[in-house]
Amino acid sequence: MPAPDTVGFDTQLQNLIDLAIDGDLSSKDALLAYAGERLLTLTRAMFRGFPSLHRWEQTDDVFQNSMIRFHRALLEVRVESVRHFFNLAATQVRRELLDMAKKHFGPEGIGANHHTDGLPPDDKGGALHDKAAEPEDLTAWTQFHAEVEKLPPEELEVFNLLYYEGLTQEEAARVLGISFRTLKRRWHSAKVRLHGELNREGRR
């Protein structure tokens, strides 16, 4: 499967989706393989940003659990477009990260009372390019992903593609069928909204 920066990747992905809808098993396998590449890139980037997470969870575990979630979702949901595919993949990995945070850092979690220094994330590109007020500690990191879930649908779609899937802004605009200017406006609005919500939570 071509990498996301290959010209026409969205067209090729749509062709796979169409074949999968028609019952082509090899196309379904190809879709899972493509999703796996994106999820692995994301989880590795997340753990580079917060090395202390390795105390509680391994990158491969998060990746495998996200893939299991995604595979189940593909069995339950009829994916009909590239847009739908990316939103579904982003939702699965975000929910896996949130479940991991609840497991380890919630009130009853094994890391709840363990001292952990807040480490700033890696700023060297990858899937987490153009960061949106990235949190500085694990508590805020957890809240960050929870607040993303609350974004208005149009902003959430943009955030899914740029943040969780690592697409460029040009690719995301093409997948969503909107102008580059509209995408930039929604991306900016999402970042401002998240920044405001996280600051509000921090003052409570």
N, C-alpha and C. Protein backbone atom coordinates (compact mmCIF):
# COMPACT_ATOMS: atom_id res chain seq x y z
N MET A 1 0.86 -1.20 0.00
CA MET A 1 0.00 0.00 0.00
C MET A 1 0.88 1.24 0.00
N PRO A 2 0.65 2.21 -0.88
CA PRO A 2 1.48 3.40 -0.92
C PRO A 2 1.40 4.20 0.36
N ALA A 3 2.48 4.91 0.66
CA ALA A 3 2.50 5.79 1.82
C ALA A 3 1.60 6.98 1.56
N PRO A 4 1.14 7.68 2.63
CA PRO A 4 0.20 8.77 2.48
C PRO A 4 0.72 9.92 1.63
N ASP A 5 2.06 10.06 1.52
CA ASP A 5 2.55 11.17 0.73
C ASP A 5 2.64 10.84 -0.75
N THR A 6 2.21 9.63 -1.13
CA THR A 6 2.20 9.28 -2.54
C THR A 6 1.01 9.93 -3.22
N VAL A 7 1.26 10.50 -4.39
CA VAL A 7 0.18 11.16 -5.13
C VAL A 7 -0.92 10.16 -5.42
N GLY A 8 -2.14 10.51 -5.10
CA GLY A 8 -3.29 9.66 -5.40
C GLY A 8 -3.53 8.56 -4.38
N PHE A 9 -2.92 8.66 -3.21
CA PHE A 9 -3.11 7.60 -2.21
C PHE A 9 -4.57 7.45 -1.84
N ASP A 10 -5.31 8.57 -1.79
CA ASP A 10 -6.71 8.50 -1.39
C ASP A 10 -7.54 7.78 -2.45
N THR A 11 -7.18 7.94 -3.72
CA THR A 11 -7.89 7.24 -4.80
C THR A 11 -7.66 5.74 -4.70
N GLN A 12 -6.41 5.35 -4.43
CA GLN A 12 -6.09 3.93 -4.31
C GLN A 12 -6.76 3.33 -3.08
N LEU A 13 -6.82 4.09 -2.02
CA LEU A 13 -7.48 3.61 -0.81
C LEU A 13 -8.97 3.46 -1.06
N GLN A 14 -9.57 4.38 -1.79
CA GLN A 14 -10.99 4.28 -2.11
C GLN A 14 -11.26 3.05 -2.96
N ASN A 15 -10.34 2.75 -3.88
CA ASN A 15 -10.50 1.55 -4.71
C ASN A 15 -10.50 0.29 -3.85
N LEU A 16 -9.62 0.26 -2.85
CA LEU A 16 -9.59 -0.88 -1.93
C LEU A 16 -10.90 -0.99 -1.14
N ILE A 17 -11.40 0.15 -0.70
CA ILE A 17 -12.67 0.16 0.05
C ILE A 17 -13.81 -0.36 -0.82
N ASP A 18 -13.85 0.07 -2.07
CA ASP A 18 -14.90 -0.38 -2.99
C ASP A 18 -14.82 -1.89 -3.20
N LEU A 19 -13.61 -2.41 -3.36
CA LEU A 19 -13.43 -3.85 -3.54
C LEU A 19 -13.83 -4.61 -2.29
N ALA A 20 -13.49 -4.05 -1.12
CA ALA A 20 -13.84 -4.70 0.14
C ALA A 20 -15.35 -4.76 0.32
N ILE A 21 -16.03 -3.69 -0.08
CA ILE A 21 -17.49 -3.66 0.00
C ILE A 21 -18.10 -4.78 -0.86
N ASP A 22 -17.43 -5.05 -1.99
CA ASP A 22 -17.90 -6.11 -2.89
C ASP A 22 -17.51 -7.50 -2.42
N GLY A 23 -16.84 -7.58 -1.26
CA GLY A 23 -16.51 -8.88 -0.69
C GLY A 23 -15.13 -9.40 -0.97
N ASP A 24 -14.27 -8.59 -1.54
CA ASP A 24 -12.91 -9.01 -1.85
C ASP A 24 -12.08 -9.08 -0.55
N LEU A 25 -11.72 -10.31 -0.13
CA LEU A 25 -11.03 -10.50 1.14
C LEU A 25 -9.62 -9.92 1.13
N SER A 26 -8.93 -10.00 -0.01
CA SER A 26 -7.58 -9.46 -0.08
C SER A 26 -7.57 -7.95 0.11
N SER A 27 -8.63 -7.29 -0.33
CA SER A 27 -8.74 -5.84 -0.16
C SER A 27 -8.94 -5.49 1.31
N LYS A 28 -9.71 -6.31 2.01
CA LYS A 28 -9.91 -6.08 3.44
C LYS A 28 -8.58 -6.23 4.19
N ASP A 29 -7.81 -7.24 3.78
CA ASP A 29 -6.49 -7.43 4.40
C ASP A 29 -5.59 -6.24 4.12
N ALA A 30 -5.67 -5.70 2.90
CA ALA A 30 -4.84 -4.55 2.53
C ALA A 30 -5.23 -3.32 3.34
N LEU A 31 -6.53 -3.16 3.59
CA LEU A 31 -7.00 -2.03 4.40
C LEU A 31 -6.47 -2.15 5.83
N LEU A 32 -6.50 -3.36 6.38
CA LEU A 32 -5.98 -3.57 7.73
C LEU A 32 -4.47 -3.30 7.78
N ALA A 33 -3.76 -3.71 6.73
CA ALA A 33 -2.32 -3.49 6.69
C ALA A 33 -2.01 -2.00 6.63
N TYR A 34 -2.80 -1.28 5.84
CA TYR A 34 -2.59 0.17 5.74
C TYR A 34 -2.88 0.83 7.09
N ALA A 35 -3.99 0.44 7.71
CA ALA A 35 -4.33 1.01 9.02
C ALA A 35 -3.23 0.69 10.03
N GLY A 36 -2.67 -0.52 9.93
CA GLY A 36 -1.61 -0.91 10.85
C GLY A 36 -0.39 -0.02 10.74
N GLU A 37 -0.02 0.35 9.52
CA GLU A 37 1.12 1.24 9.33
C GLU A 37 0.88 2.60 10.00
N ARG A 38 -0.32 3.12 9.83
CA ARG A 38 -0.65 4.43 10.40
C ARG A 38 -0.70 4.35 11.93
N LEU A 39 -1.31 3.31 12.47
CA LEU A 39 -1.42 3.18 13.92
C LEU A 39 -0.06 2.96 14.57
N LEU A 40 0.81 2.20 13.92
CA LEU A 40 2.14 1.96 14.48
C LEU A 40 2.95 3.26 14.51
N THR A 41 2.86 4.04 13.44
CA THR A 41 3.55 5.33 13.39
C THR A 41 3.07 6.23 14.52
N LEU A 42 1.77 6.27 14.72
CA LEU A 42 1.20 7.12 15.77
C LEU A 42 1.63 6.69 17.16
N THR A 43 1.52 5.40 17.46
CA THR A 43 1.85 4.95 18.81
C THR A 43 3.33 5.15 19.11
N ARG A 44 4.19 4.94 18.14
CA ARG A 44 5.61 5.18 18.35
C ARG A 44 5.88 6.66 18.63
N ALA A 45 5.20 7.52 17.89
CA ALA A 45 5.38 8.96 18.11
C ALA A 45 4.89 9.37 19.49
N MET A 46 3.77 8.80 19.93
CA MET A 46 3.24 9.10 21.25
C MET A 46 4.24 8.72 22.35
N PHE A 47 4.82 7.55 22.21
CA PHE A 47 5.73 7.08 23.25
C PHE A 47 7.07 7.79 23.22
N ARG A 48 7.48 8.29 22.06
CA ARG A 48 8.68 9.12 22.01
C ARG A 48 8.46 10.38 22.81
N GLY A 49 7.23 10.91 22.75
CA GLY A 49 6.93 12.14 23.47
C GLY A 49 6.87 11.96 24.97
N PHE A 50 6.49 10.75 25.42
CA PHE A 50 6.35 10.50 26.85
C PHE A 50 7.03 9.17 27.22
N PRO A 51 8.37 9.19 27.33
CA PRO A 51 9.09 7.94 27.66
C PRO A 51 8.61 7.29 28.94
N SER A 52 8.10 8.07 29.89
CA SER A 52 7.67 7.49 31.16
C SER A 52 6.49 6.54 31.00
N LEU A 53 5.76 6.63 29.88
CA LEU A 53 4.67 5.70 29.65
C LEU A 53 5.16 4.26 29.57
N HIS A 54 6.43 4.07 29.23
CA HIS A 54 6.95 2.72 29.12
C HIS A 54 6.94 1.99 30.45
N ARG A 55 6.80 2.74 31.57
CA ARG A 55 6.70 2.08 32.87
C ARG A 55 5.43 1.26 32.96
N TRP A 56 4.40 1.68 32.24
CA TRP A 56 3.09 1.06 32.41
C TRP A 56 2.62 0.28 31.19
N GLU A 57 3.10 0.64 30.01
CA GLU A 57 2.57 0.02 28.79
C GLU A 57 3.65 0.01 27.73
N GLN A 58 3.66 -0.99 26.89
CA GLN A 58 4.61 -1.06 25.79
C GLN A 58 3.94 -0.59 24.51
N THR A 59 4.74 0.04 23.65
CA THR A 59 4.21 0.56 22.39
C THR A 59 3.49 -0.52 21.60
N ASP A 60 4.10 -1.71 21.55
CA ASP A 60 3.50 -2.79 20.77
C ASP A 60 2.14 -3.21 21.32
N ASP A 61 1.96 -3.11 22.64
CA ASP A 61 0.67 -3.47 23.23
C ASP A 61 -0.42 -2.51 22.79
N VAL A 62 -0.10 -1.22 22.83
CA VAL A 62 -1.07 -0.21 22.40
C VAL A 62 -1.40 -0.41 20.93
N PHE A 63 -0.38 -0.65 20.13
CA PHE A 63 -0.58 -0.88 18.70
C PHE A 63 -1.48 -2.09 18.45
N GLN A 64 -1.15 -3.22 19.10
CA GLN A 64 -1.94 -4.44 18.89
C GLN A 64 -3.38 -4.27 19.34
N ASN A 65 -3.58 -3.62 20.49
CA ASN A 65 -4.94 -3.40 20.98
C ASN A 65 -5.73 -2.48 20.06
N SER A 66 -5.05 -1.47 19.51
CA SER A 66 -5.72 -0.56 18.57
C SER A 66 -6.12 -1.32 17.31
N MET A 67 -5.25 -2.22 16.85
CA MET A 67 -5.56 -3.00 15.66
C MET A 67 -6.74 -3.94 15.91
N ILE A 68 -6.80 -4.51 17.11
CA ILE A 68 -7.93 -5.38 17.45
C ILE A 68 -9.22 -4.57 17.43
N ARG A 69 -9.18 -3.39 18.01
CA ARG A 69 -10.35 -2.50 18.00
C ARG A 69 -10.76 -2.19 16.56
N PHE A 70 -9.77 -1.86 15.74
CA PHE A 70 -10.07 -1.46 14.37
C PHE A 70 -10.65 -2.64 13.58
N HIS A 71 -10.09 -3.82 13.79
CA HIS A 71 -10.60 -5.00 13.09
C HIS A 71 -12.06 -5.27 13.49
N ARG A 72 -12.36 -5.14 14.77
CA ARG A 72 -13.75 -5.32 15.23
C ARG A 72 -14.67 -4.27 14.61
N ALA A 73 -14.17 -3.05 14.55
CA ALA A 73 -14.98 -1.96 13.99
C ALA A 73 -15.28 -2.23 12.52
N LEU A 74 -14.29 -2.76 11.79
CA LEU A 74 -14.51 -3.05 10.37
C LEU A 74 -15.56 -4.14 10.18
N LEU A 75 -15.66 -5.04 11.16
CA LEU A 75 -16.67 -6.10 11.09
C LEU A 75 -18.07 -5.56 11.37
N GLU A 76 -18.13 -4.50 12.17
CA GLU A 76 -19.42 -3.96 12.61
C GLU A 76 -19.91 -2.79 11.75
N VAL A 77 -18.98 -2.11 11.10
CA VAL A 77 -19.32 -0.90 10.36
C VAL A 77 -18.99 -1.07 8.88
N ARG A 78 -19.85 -0.62 8.04
CA ARG A 78 -19.61 -0.65 6.59
C ARG A 78 -18.87 0.63 6.20
N VAL A 79 -17.59 0.51 5.94
CA VAL A 79 -16.78 1.66 5.56
C VAL A 79 -16.98 1.91 4.06
N GLU A 80 -17.40 3.13 3.72
CA GLU A 80 -17.74 3.41 2.34
C GLU A 80 -16.88 4.50 1.70
N SER A 81 -16.01 5.11 2.47
CA SER A 81 -15.18 6.18 1.90
C SER A 81 -13.86 6.28 2.65
N VAL A 82 -12.90 6.93 2.00
CA VAL A 82 -11.61 7.18 2.64
C VAL A 82 -11.82 8.04 3.89
N ARG A 83 -12.70 8.98 3.79
CA ARG A 83 -13.02 9.87 4.91
C ARG A 83 -13.50 9.07 6.11
N HIS A 84 -14.41 8.15 5.88
CA HIS A 84 -14.95 7.30 6.94
C HIS A 84 -13.86 6.40 7.51
N PHE A 85 -13.03 5.84 6.63
CA PHE A 85 -11.95 4.95 7.03
C PHE A 85 -11.01 5.63 8.01
N PHE A 86 -10.57 6.84 7.68
CA PHE A 86 -9.62 7.55 8.53
C PHE A 86 -10.26 7.94 9.87
N ASN A 87 -11.50 8.37 9.84
CA ASN A 87 -12.18 8.73 11.09
C ASN A 87 -12.31 7.50 12.00
N LEU A 88 -12.62 6.36 11.41
CA LEU A 88 -12.77 5.13 12.18
C LEU A 88 -11.44 4.72 12.81
N ALA A 89 -10.37 4.79 12.04
CA ALA A 89 -9.05 4.41 12.54
C ALA A 89 -8.60 5.34 13.67
N ALA A 90 -8.80 6.63 13.49
CA ALA A 90 -8.40 7.61 14.50
C ALA A 90 -9.17 7.41 15.80
N THR A 91 -10.45 7.10 15.69
CA THR A 91 -11.29 6.89 16.87
C THR A 91 -10.79 5.70 17.68
N GLN A 92 -10.39 4.62 17.00
CA GLN A 92 -9.96 3.41 17.72
C GLN A 92 -8.68 3.67 18.51
N VAL A 93 -7.71 4.34 17.90
CA VAL A 93 -6.45 4.55 18.62
C VAL A 93 -6.63 5.55 19.75
N ARG A 94 -7.47 6.57 19.55
CA ARG A 94 -7.71 7.54 20.62
C ARG A 94 -8.39 6.85 21.81
N ARG A 95 -9.33 5.99 21.55
CA ARG A 95 -10.02 5.31 22.64
C ARG A 95 -9.12 4.30 23.35
N GLU A 96 -8.21 3.69 22.62
CA GLU A 96 -7.25 2.80 23.25
C GLU A 96 -6.32 3.59 24.17
N LEU A 97 -5.89 4.76 23.74
CA LEU A 97 -5.03 5.61 24.57
C LEU A 97 -5.76 6.07 25.82
N LEU A 98 -7.04 6.42 25.67
CA LEU A 98 -7.82 6.85 26.83
C LEU A 98 -8.05 5.70 27.81
N ASP A 99 -8.32 4.50 27.28
CA ASP A 99 -8.50 3.35 28.16
C ASP A 99 -7.21 3.02 28.89
N MET A 100 -6.08 3.16 28.19
CA MET A 100 -4.80 2.93 28.81
C MET A 100 -4.57 3.93 29.95
N ALA A 101 -4.92 5.18 29.71
CA ALA A 101 -4.73 6.21 30.72
C ALA A 101 -5.60 5.93 31.95
N LYS A 102 -6.86 5.52 31.72
CA LYS A 102 -7.75 5.21 32.83
C LYS A 102 -7.22 4.02 33.63
N LYS A 103 -6.69 3.04 32.91
CA LYS A 103 -6.18 1.84 33.55
C LYS A 103 -5.00 2.15 34.47
N HIS A 104 -4.10 3.01 33.99
CA HIS A 104 -2.86 3.24 34.72
C HIS A 104 -2.85 4.51 35.56
N PHE A 105 -3.63 5.51 35.14
CA PHE A 105 -3.52 6.80 35.81
C PHE A 105 -4.84 7.29 36.39
N GLY A 106 -5.88 6.45 36.31
CA GLY A 106 -7.14 6.81 36.94
C GLY A 106 -7.04 6.65 38.45
N PRO A 107 -8.10 6.96 39.18
CA PRO A 107 -8.09 6.90 40.65
C PRO A 107 -7.62 5.56 41.19
N GLU A 108 -7.95 4.45 40.49
CA GLU A 108 -7.57 3.12 40.96
C GLU A 108 -6.42 2.54 40.17
N GLY A 109 -5.82 3.33 39.27
CA GLY A 109 -4.76 2.83 38.41
C GLY A 109 -3.45 2.61 39.13
N ILE A 110 -2.60 1.74 38.56
CA ILE A 110 -1.34 1.41 39.20
C ILE A 110 -0.37 2.58 39.24
N GLY A 111 -0.60 3.55 38.36
CA GLY A 111 0.29 4.70 38.35
C GLY A 111 -0.31 5.95 38.97
N ALA A 112 -1.47 5.80 39.58
CA ALA A 112 -2.20 6.97 40.07
C ALA A 112 -1.41 7.75 41.10
N ASN A 113 -0.72 7.07 41.98
CA ASN A 113 0.02 7.75 43.05
C ASN A 113 1.53 7.66 42.87
N HIS A 114 1.93 7.33 41.66
CA HIS A 114 3.35 7.21 41.36
C HIS A 114 3.85 8.52 40.77
N HIS A 115 4.97 9.03 41.30
CA HIS A 115 5.51 10.28 40.81
C HIS A 115 6.01 10.10 39.38
N THR A 116 5.58 10.95 38.48
CA THR A 116 6.02 10.92 37.09
C THR A 116 6.28 12.34 36.64
N ASP A 117 7.49 12.60 36.23
CA ASP A 117 7.80 13.94 35.73
C ASP A 117 7.14 14.15 34.39
N GLY A 118 6.48 15.30 34.20
CA GLY A 118 5.88 15.63 32.93
C GLY A 118 6.97 15.96 31.92
N LEU A 119 6.96 15.22 30.81
CA LEU A 119 7.98 15.43 29.80
C LEU A 119 7.37 16.02 28.55
N PRO A 120 7.95 17.06 27.99
CA PRO A 120 7.40 17.63 26.76
C PRO A 120 7.56 16.67 25.61
N PRO A 121 6.65 16.68 24.66
CA PRO A 121 6.70 15.75 23.55
C PRO A 121 7.79 16.11 22.56
N ASP A 122 8.10 15.13 21.71
CA ASP A 122 9.08 15.33 20.65
C ASP A 122 8.54 16.33 19.64
N ASP A 123 9.38 17.27 19.23
CA ASP A 123 8.95 18.29 18.27
C ASP A 123 9.58 18.08 16.90
N LYS A 124 9.93 16.84 16.59
CA LYS A 124 10.66 16.59 15.36
C LYS A 124 9.79 15.94 14.29
N GLY A 125 8.63 16.48 14.07
CA GLY A 125 7.80 16.04 12.95
C GLY A 125 7.13 14.70 13.21
N GLY A 126 7.03 13.87 12.18
CA GLY A 126 6.33 12.60 12.32
C GLY A 126 4.83 12.81 12.29
N ALA A 127 4.11 11.85 12.84
CA ALA A 127 2.65 11.92 12.81
C ALA A 127 2.11 13.08 13.63
N LEU A 128 2.91 13.57 14.60
CA LEU A 128 2.41 14.62 15.49
C LEU A 128 2.94 15.98 15.06
N HIS A 129 2.85 16.26 13.77
CA HIS A 129 3.34 17.54 13.27
C HIS A 129 2.39 18.67 13.64
N ASP A 130 2.90 19.87 13.67
CA ASP A 130 2.08 21.07 13.90
C ASP A 130 1.19 20.89 15.13
N LYS A 131 1.80 20.66 16.27
CA LYS A 131 1.07 20.28 17.47
C LYS A 131 0.10 21.35 17.95
N ALA A 132 -0.98 20.87 18.53
CA ALA A 132 -2.02 21.76 19.03
C ALA A 132 -1.89 21.89 20.54
N ALA A 133 -1.06 22.81 20.99
CA ALA A 133 -0.90 23.06 22.43
C ALA A 133 -0.70 21.75 23.18
N GLU A 134 0.31 20.99 22.74
CA GLU A 134 0.55 19.66 23.30
C GLU A 134 0.73 19.73 24.82
N PRO A 135 0.09 18.84 25.59
CA PRO A 135 0.17 18.87 27.05
C PRO A 135 1.57 18.57 27.55
N GLU A 136 1.87 19.00 28.77
CA GLU A 136 3.20 18.86 29.34
C GLU A 136 3.30 17.80 30.43
N ASP A 137 2.23 17.15 30.76
CA ASP A 137 2.30 16.06 31.73
C ASP A 137 1.23 15.04 31.40
N LEU A 138 1.31 13.87 32.05
CA LEU A 138 0.44 12.77 31.68
C LEU A 138 -1.02 13.00 32.03
N THR A 139 -1.28 13.74 33.08
CA THR A 139 -2.67 14.05 33.42
C THR A 139 -3.29 14.92 32.33
N ALA A 140 -2.56 15.94 31.92
CA ALA A 140 -3.05 16.82 30.86
C ALA A 140 -3.12 16.06 29.54
N TRP A 141 -2.19 15.14 29.32
CA TRP A 141 -2.18 14.32 28.11
C TRP A 141 -3.47 13.52 27.99
N THR A 142 -3.90 12.96 29.12
CA THR A 142 -5.14 12.21 29.14
C THR A 142 -6.33 13.12 28.86
N GLN A 143 -6.35 14.28 29.51
CA GLN A 143 -7.42 15.23 29.32
C GLN A 143 -7.47 15.72 27.88
N PHE A 144 -6.29 15.88 27.30
CA PHE A 144 -6.19 16.33 25.91
C PHE A 144 -6.99 15.42 24.98
N HIS A 145 -6.77 14.11 25.07
CA HIS A 145 -7.46 13.17 24.19
C HIS A 145 -8.95 13.12 24.49
N ALA A 146 -9.32 13.30 25.74
CA ALA A 146 -10.74 13.34 26.10
C ALA A 146 -11.41 14.55 25.49
N GLU A 147 -10.73 15.70 25.51
CA GLU A 147 -11.30 16.92 24.95
C GLU A 147 -11.40 16.85 23.43
N VAL A 148 -10.46 16.14 22.80
CA VAL A 148 -10.53 15.97 21.35
C VAL A 148 -11.86 15.32 20.96
N GLU A 149 -12.30 14.35 21.75
CA GLU A 149 -13.55 13.64 21.48
C GLU A 149 -14.75 14.58 21.45
N LYS A 150 -14.63 15.74 22.15
CA LYS A 150 -15.75 16.67 22.27
C LYS A 150 -15.77 17.73 21.18
N LEU A 151 -14.77 17.74 20.30
CA LEU A 151 -14.73 18.74 19.24
C LEU A 151 -15.96 18.62 18.34
N PRO A 152 -16.43 19.74 17.77
CA PRO A 152 -17.51 19.67 16.79
C PRO A 152 -17.11 18.75 15.64
N PRO A 153 -18.05 18.05 15.03
CA PRO A 153 -17.73 17.04 14.01
C PRO A 153 -16.78 17.52 12.91
N GLU A 154 -17.00 18.73 12.37
CA GLU A 154 -16.15 19.21 11.29
C GLU A 154 -14.72 19.41 11.76
N GLU A 155 -14.55 19.92 12.97
CA GLU A 155 -13.21 20.13 13.50
C GLU A 155 -12.57 18.80 13.89
N LEU A 156 -13.37 17.87 14.41
CA LEU A 156 -12.85 16.57 14.81
C LEU A 156 -12.30 15.81 13.59
N GLU A 157 -13.01 15.89 12.48
CA GLU A 157 -12.53 15.23 11.27
C GLU A 157 -11.17 15.75 10.85
N VAL A 158 -11.01 17.05 10.88
CA VAL A 158 -9.73 17.66 10.51
C VAL A 158 -8.65 17.23 11.50
N PHE A 159 -8.98 17.24 12.78
CA PHE A 159 -8.01 16.86 13.80
C PHE A 159 -7.61 15.39 13.65
N ASN A 160 -8.57 14.55 13.35
CA ASN A 160 -8.28 13.13 13.13
C ASN A 160 -7.23 12.94 12.04
N LEU A 161 -7.43 13.64 10.93
CA LEU A 161 -6.54 13.45 9.78
C LEU A 161 -5.16 14.04 10.00
N LEU A 162 -5.10 15.22 10.57
CA LEU A 162 -3.80 15.89 10.74
C LEU A 162 -3.03 15.36 11.95
N TYR A 163 -3.70 15.15 13.06
CA TYR A 163 -3.01 14.76 14.28
C TYR A 163 -2.85 13.26 14.41
N TYR A 164 -3.97 12.53 14.31
CA TYR A 164 -3.91 11.10 14.55
C TYR A 164 -3.46 10.30 13.33
N GLU A 165 -3.75 10.77 12.14
CA GLU A 165 -3.38 10.03 10.94
C GLU A 165 -2.13 10.56 10.26
N GLY A 166 -1.69 11.76 10.62
CA GLY A 166 -0.44 12.29 10.10
C GLY A 166 -0.48 12.72 8.65
N LEU A 167 -1.66 13.01 8.11
CA LEU A 167 -1.74 13.50 6.74
C LEU A 167 -1.27 14.95 6.67
N THR A 168 -0.85 15.37 5.49
CA THR A 168 -0.56 16.78 5.30
C THR A 168 -1.88 17.53 5.17
N GLN A 169 -1.83 18.84 5.28
CA GLN A 169 -3.05 19.63 5.15
C GLN A 169 -3.64 19.51 3.74
N GLU A 170 -2.78 19.43 2.73
CA GLU A 170 -3.27 19.28 1.36
C GLU A 170 -3.99 17.95 1.20
N GLU A 171 -3.42 16.88 1.74
CA GLU A 171 -4.06 15.56 1.65
C GLU A 171 -5.37 15.53 2.41
N ALA A 172 -5.40 16.12 3.58
CA ALA A 172 -6.62 16.13 4.39
C ALA A 172 -7.74 16.89 3.69
N ALA A 173 -7.41 18.01 3.08
CA ALA A 173 -8.42 18.79 2.36
C ALA A 173 -9.01 17.97 1.21
N ARG A 174 -8.15 17.20 0.54
CA ARG A 174 -8.63 16.38 -0.57
C ARG A 174 -9.53 15.26 -0.08
N VAL A 175 -9.14 14.61 1.01
CA VAL A 175 -9.95 13.52 1.57
C VAL A 175 -11.33 14.03 1.99
N LEU A 176 -11.37 15.22 2.59
CA LEU A 176 -12.63 15.78 3.08
C LEU A 176 -13.43 16.48 2.00
N GLY A 177 -12.80 16.72 0.86
CA GLY A 177 -13.51 17.40 -0.23
C GLY A 177 -13.79 18.86 0.07
N ILE A 178 -12.85 19.52 0.77
CA ILE A 178 -13.01 20.93 1.09
C ILE A 178 -11.79 21.70 0.60
N SER A 179 -11.91 23.02 0.58
CA SER A 179 -10.79 23.84 0.14
C SER A 179 -9.68 23.85 1.19
N PHE A 180 -8.47 24.13 0.74
CA PHE A 180 -7.33 24.22 1.65
C PHE A 180 -7.58 25.32 2.69
N ARG A 181 -8.17 26.41 2.24
CA ARG A 181 -8.46 27.52 3.16
C ARG A 181 -9.45 27.10 4.24
N THR A 182 -10.49 26.36 3.87
CA THR A 182 -11.47 25.89 4.84
C THR A 182 -10.83 24.94 5.84
N LEU A 183 -9.98 24.06 5.34
CA LEU A 183 -9.31 23.13 6.25
C LEU A 183 -8.45 23.88 7.26
N LYS A 184 -7.68 24.87 6.80
CA LYS A 184 -6.82 25.62 7.71
C LYS A 184 -7.66 26.35 8.77
N ARG A 185 -8.82 26.86 8.35
CA ARG A 185 -9.70 27.56 9.30
C ARG A 185 -10.21 26.60 10.37
N ARG A 186 -10.61 25.40 9.98
CA ARG A 186 -11.12 24.41 10.94
C ARG A 186 -10.00 23.91 11.85
N TRP A 187 -8.82 23.73 11.32
CA TRP A 187 -7.66 23.29 12.10
C TRP A 187 -7.31 24.33 13.16
N HIS A 188 -7.30 25.59 12.75
CA HIS A 188 -7.01 26.68 13.69
C HIS A 188 -8.09 26.75 14.77
N SER A 189 -9.35 26.62 14.36
CA SER A 189 -10.45 26.68 15.32
C SER A 189 -10.37 25.54 16.32
N ALA A 190 -10.03 24.34 15.85
CA ALA A 190 -9.90 23.19 16.75
C ALA A 190 -8.80 23.40 17.77
N LYS A 191 -7.67 23.93 17.33
CA LYS A 191 -6.55 24.17 18.24
C LYS A 191 -6.89 25.22 19.28
N VAL A 192 -7.56 26.28 18.86
CA VAL A 192 -7.95 27.34 19.79
C VAL A 192 -8.94 26.79 20.81
N ARG A 193 -9.90 25.98 20.34
CA ARG A 193 -10.91 25.41 21.22
C ARG A 193 -10.26 24.47 22.26
N LEU A 194 -9.35 23.62 21.80
CA LEU A 194 -8.67 22.70 22.71
C LEU A 194 -7.82 23.45 23.72
N HIS A 195 -7.12 24.46 23.25
CA HIS A 195 -6.28 25.26 24.15
C HIS A 195 -7.13 25.88 25.25
N GLY A 196 -8.29 26.42 24.87
CA GLY A 196 -9.19 27.04 25.85
C GLY A 196 -9.73 26.03 26.84
N GLU A 197 -10.14 24.85 26.36
CA GLU A 197 -10.70 23.83 27.24
C GLU A 197 -9.65 23.29 28.20
N LEU A 198 -8.44 23.06 27.71
CA LEU A 198 -7.38 22.55 28.57
C LEU A 198 -6.98 23.56 29.63
N ASN A 199 -6.94 24.84 29.26
CA ASN A 199 -6.63 25.88 30.23
C ASN A 199 -7.72 25.96 31.30
N ARG A 200 -8.99 25.80 30.88
CA ARG A 200 -10.10 25.85 31.80
C ARG A 200 -10.01 24.69 32.79
N GLU A 201 -9.67 23.49 32.28
CA GLU A 201 -9.53 22.32 33.15
C GLU A 201 -8.38 22.52 34.13
N GLY A 202 -7.31 23.16 33.64
CA GLY A 202 -6.15 23.36 34.48
C GLY A 202 -6.40 24.30 35.65
N ARG A 203 -7.41 25.17 35.51
CA ARG A 203 -7.71 26.14 36.58
C ARG A 203 -8.68 25.57 37.61
N ARG A 204 -9.24 24.40 37.32
CA ARG A 204 -10.23 23.83 38.25
C ARG A 204 -9.55 23.14 39.43
